[in-house]
């Protein structure tokens, strides 16, 4: 837990100290990949709270979701269709569902 907090603080500090900018041509890919990664992280937190966390499932989902989201975005741009909006809706829905489950499990944890 302490290692994760340290990594988060280090990443935030480096991001603020060395601000990076993405070219406009890849900004759609980076945005949808970040949302996909956030979905995987929140899903991992939910699984950890429920006691069924599996590290291999988390890491495979983290990278496969990000690559799949970028692939959908690329394919959508090739056929002139904004598939990243569909992916964003799906990932946002999953994030809110996982947060609701996580919140309920944490609230029930205090009642036991």
C-alpha atoms as a PDB file:
ATOM      1  CA  UNK A   1       0.000   0.000   0.000  1.00  0.00           C
ATOM      2  CA  UNK A   2       2.782   2.386   0.913  1.00  0.00           C
ATOM      3  CA  UNK A   3       4.583   1.541  -2.327  1.00  0.00           C
ATOM      4  CA  UNK A   4       1.480   2.475  -4.342  1.00  0.00           C
ATOM      5  CA  UNK A   5       1.046   5.776  -2.543  1.00  0.00           C
ATOM      6  CA  UNK A   6       4.719   6.582  -3.050  1.00  0.00           C
ATOM      7  CA  UNK A   7       4.423   5.786  -6.768  1.00  0.00           C
ATOM      8  CA  UNK A   8       1.346   7.972  -7.082  1.00  0.00           C
ATOM      9  CA  UNK A   9       3.023  10.904  -5.367  1.00  0.00           C
ATOM     10  CA  UNK A  10       6.173  10.452  -7.426  1.00  0.00           C
ATOM     11  CA  UNK A  11       4.169  10.345 -10.657  1.00  0.00           C
ATOM     12  CA  UNK A  12       2.187  13.449  -9.736  1.00  0.00           C
ATOM     13  CA  UNK A  13       5.362  15.295  -8.767  1.00  0.00           C
ATOM     14  CA  UNK A  14       7.145  14.376 -11.992  1.00  0.00           C
ATOM     15  CA  UNK A  15       4.062  15.318 -14.001  1.00  0.00           C
ATOM     16  CA  UNK A  16       3.933  18.738 -12.415  1.00  0.00           C
ATOM     17  CA  UNK A  17       7.691  19.284 -12.643  1.00  0.00           C
ATOM     18  CA  UNK A  18       8.061  18.126 -16.270  1.00  0.00           C
ATOM     19  CA  UNK A  19       4.785  18.912 -18.010  1.00  0.00           C
ATOM     20  CA  UNK A  20       4.403  16.961 -21.216  1.00  0.00           C
ATOM     21  CA  UNK A  21       2.243  17.677 -24.178  1.00  0.00           C
ATOM     22  CA  UNK A  22       0.815  15.239 -26.671  1.00  0.00           C
ATOM     23  CA  UNK A  23       0.501  16.156 -30.324  1.00  0.00           C
ATOM     24  CA  UNK A  24      -3.046  16.757 -31.460  1.00  0.00           C
ATOM     25  CA  UNK A  25      -2.812  13.769 -33.783  1.00  0.00           C
ATOM     26  CA  UNK A  26      -2.592  11.309 -30.877  1.00  0.00           C
ATOM     27  CA  UNK A  27      -4.610  13.154 -28.242  1.00  0.00           C
ATOM     28  CA  UNK A  28      -7.753  11.098 -28.938  1.00  0.00           C
ATOM     29  CA  UNK A  29      -5.781   7.875 -28.410  1.00  0.00           C
ATOM     30  CA  UNK A  30      -4.168   9.066 -25.189  1.00  0.00           C
ATOM     31  CA  UNK A  31      -7.483  10.267 -23.783  1.00  0.00           C
ATOM     32  CA  UNK A  32      -9.377   7.042 -24.385  1.00  0.00           C
ATOM     33  CA  UNK A  33      -6.422   4.958 -23.188  1.00  0.00           C
ATOM     34  CA  UNK A  34      -6.320   6.910 -19.916  1.00  0.00           C
ATOM     35  CA  UNK A  35     -10.020   6.317 -19.356  1.00  0.00           C
ATOM     36  CA  UNK A  36      -9.547   2.602 -20.108  1.00  0.00           C
ATOM     37  CA  UNK A  37      -6.678   2.431 -17.616  1.00  0.00           C
ATOM     38  CA  UNK A  38      -8.735   4.277 -15.001  1.00  0.00           C
ATOM     39  CA  UNK A  39     -11.503   1.702 -15.524  1.00  0.00           C
ATOM     40  CA  UNK A  40      -9.027  -1.121 -14.910  1.00  0.00           C
ATOM     41  CA  UNK A  41      -7.627   0.527 -11.785  1.00  0.00           C
ATOM     42  CA  UNK A  42     -11.047   1.124 -10.260  1.00  0.00           C
ATOM     43  CA  UNK A  43     -12.079  -2.415 -11.203  1.00  0.00           C
ATOM     44  CA  UNK A  44      -8.960  -3.688  -9.437  1.00  0.00           C
ATOM     45  CA  UNK A  45      -9.849  -1.695  -6.329  1.00  0.00           C
ATOM     46  CA  UNK A  46     -13.351  -3.160  -6.407  1.00  0.00           C
ATOM     47  CA  UNK A  47     -11.990  -6.683  -6.774  1.00  0.00           C
ATOM     48  CA  UNK A  48      -9.556  -6.097  -3.921  1.00  0.00           C
ATOM     49  CA  UNK A  49     -12.360  -4.843  -1.662  1.00  0.00           C
ATOM     50  CA  UNK A  50     -14.508  -7.880  -2.502  1.00  0.00           C
ATOM     51  CA  UNK A  51     -11.604 -10.265  -1.980  1.00  0.00           C
ATOM     52  CA  UNK A  52     -11.333 -11.692  -5.497  1.00  0.00           C
ATOM     53  CA  UNK A  53      -8.378  -9.680  -6.804  1.00  0.00           C
ATOM     54  CA  UNK A  54      -6.071 -11.481  -9.242  1.00  0.00           C
ATOM     55  CA  UNK A  55      -2.921  -9.689 -10.311  1.00  0.00           C
ATOM     56  CA  UNK A  56      -2.670 -11.374 -13.725  1.00  0.00           C
ATOM     57  CA  UNK A  57      -6.277 -10.466 -14.516  1.00  0.00           C
ATOM     58  CA  UNK A  58      -5.623  -6.878 -13.467  1.00  0.00           C
ATOM     59  CA  UNK A  59      -2.472  -6.392 -15.543  1.00  0.00           C
ATOM     60  CA  UNK A  60      -3.836  -8.166 -18.608  1.00  0.00           C
ATOM     61  CA  UNK A  61      -7.037  -6.118 -18.409  1.00  0.00           C
ATOM     62  CA  UNK A  62      -5.076  -2.916 -17.891  1.00  0.00           C
ATOM     63  CA  UNK A  63      -3.054  -3.280 -21.085  1.00  0.00           C
ATOM     64  CA  UNK A  64      -5.634  -5.072 -23.231  1.00  0.00           C
ATOM     65  CA  UNK A  65      -8.342  -2.497 -22.421  1.00  0.00           C
ATOM     66  CA  UNK A  66      -5.987   0.366 -23.278  1.00  0.00           C
ATOM     67  CA  UNK A  67      -4.885  -1.232 -26.546  1.00  0.00           C
ATOM     68  CA  UNK A  68      -8.441  -2.186 -27.490  1.00  0.00           C
ATOM     69  CA  UNK A  69      -9.647   1.364 -26.840  1.00  0.00           C
ATOM     70  CA  UNK A  70      -6.830   2.797 -28.964  1.00  0.00           C
ATOM     71  CA  UNK A  71      -7.581   0.252 -31.690  1.00  0.00           C
ATOM     72  CA  UNK A  72     -11.262   1.174 -31.700  1.00  0.00           C
ATOM     73  CA  UNK A  73     -10.342   4.842 -31.932  1.00  0.00           C
ATOM     74  CA  UNK A  74      -7.979   4.189 -34.847  1.00  0.00           C
ATOM     75  CA  UNK A  75     -10.514   2.020 -36.668  1.00  0.00           C
ATOM     76  CA  UNK A  76     -13.204   4.641 -36.127  1.00  0.00           C
ATOM     77  CA  UNK A  77     -10.963   7.352 -37.567  1.00  0.00           C
ATOM     78  CA  UNK A  78     -10.234   5.144 -40.595  1.00  0.00           C
ATOM     79  CA  UNK A  79     -13.931   4.782 -41.398  1.00  0.00           C
ATOM     80  CA  UNK A  80     -14.767   8.335 -40.297  1.00  0.00           C
ATOM     81  CA  UNK A  81     -16.867   7.208 -37.337  1.00  0.00           C
ATOM     82  CA  UNK A  82     -16.301   8.388 -33.769  1.00  0.00           C
ATOM     83  CA  UNK A  83     -16.047   5.015 -32.027  1.00  0.00           C
ATOM     84  CA  UNK A  84     -14.132   6.593 -29.161  1.00  0.00           C
ATOM     85  CA  UNK A  85     -17.431   8.051 -27.961  1.00  0.00           C
ATOM     86  CA  UNK A  86     -18.905   4.558 -27.685  1.00  0.00           C
ATOM     87  CA  UNK A  87     -15.809   3.333 -25.851  1.00  0.00           C
ATOM     88  CA  UNK A  88     -15.931   6.357 -23.542  1.00  0.00           C
ATOM     89  CA  UNK A  89     -19.576   5.649 -22.665  1.00  0.00           C
ATOM     90  CA  UNK A  90     -18.807   1.993 -21.921  1.00  0.00           C
ATOM     91  CA  UNK A  91     -15.759   2.776 -19.797  1.00  0.00           C
ATOM     92  CA  UNK A  92     -17.525   5.580 -17.930  1.00  0.00           C
ATOM     93  CA  UNK A  93     -20.460   3.271 -17.179  1.00  0.00           C
ATOM     94  CA  UNK A  94     -18.108   0.596 -15.870  1.00  0.00           C
ATOM     95  CA  UNK A  95     -16.240   3.156 -13.749  1.00  0.00           C
ATOM     96  CA  UNK A  96     -19.457   4.361 -12.111  1.00  0.00           C
ATOM     97  CA  UNK A  97     -20.674   0.781 -11.539  1.00  0.00           C
ATOM     98  CA  UNK A  98     -17.362  -0.236  -9.983  1.00  0.00           C
ATOM     99  CA  UNK A  99     -17.327   2.867  -7.781  1.00  0.00           C
ATOM    100  CA  UNK A 100     -20.868   2.104  -6.605  1.00  0.00           C
ATOM    101  CA  UNK A 101     -19.921  -1.498  -5.754  1.00  0.00           C
ATOM    102  CA  UNK A 102     -16.730  -0.327  -4.046  1.00  0.00           C
ATOM    103  CA  UNK A 103     -18.641   2.243  -2.006  1.00  0.00           C
ATOM    104  CA  UNK A 104     -21.247  -0.323  -0.941  1.00  0.00           C
ATOM    105  CA  UNK A 105     -18.599  -2.845   0.058  1.00  0.00           C
ATOM    106  CA  UNK A 106     -16.708  -0.249   2.089  1.00  0.00           C
ATOM    107  CA  UNK A 107     -19.894   0.901   3.827  1.00  0.00           C
ATOM    108  CA  UNK A 108     -20.888  -2.687   4.614  1.00  0.00           C
ATOM    109  CA  UNK A 109     -17.387  -3.377   5.912  1.00  0.00           C
ATOM    110  CA  UNK A 110     -17.951  -0.875   8.700  1.00  0.00           C
ATOM    111  CA  UNK A 111     -21.258  -2.501   9.689  1.00  0.00           C
ATOM    112  CA  UNK A 112     -19.794  -5.989  10.275  1.00  0.00           C
END
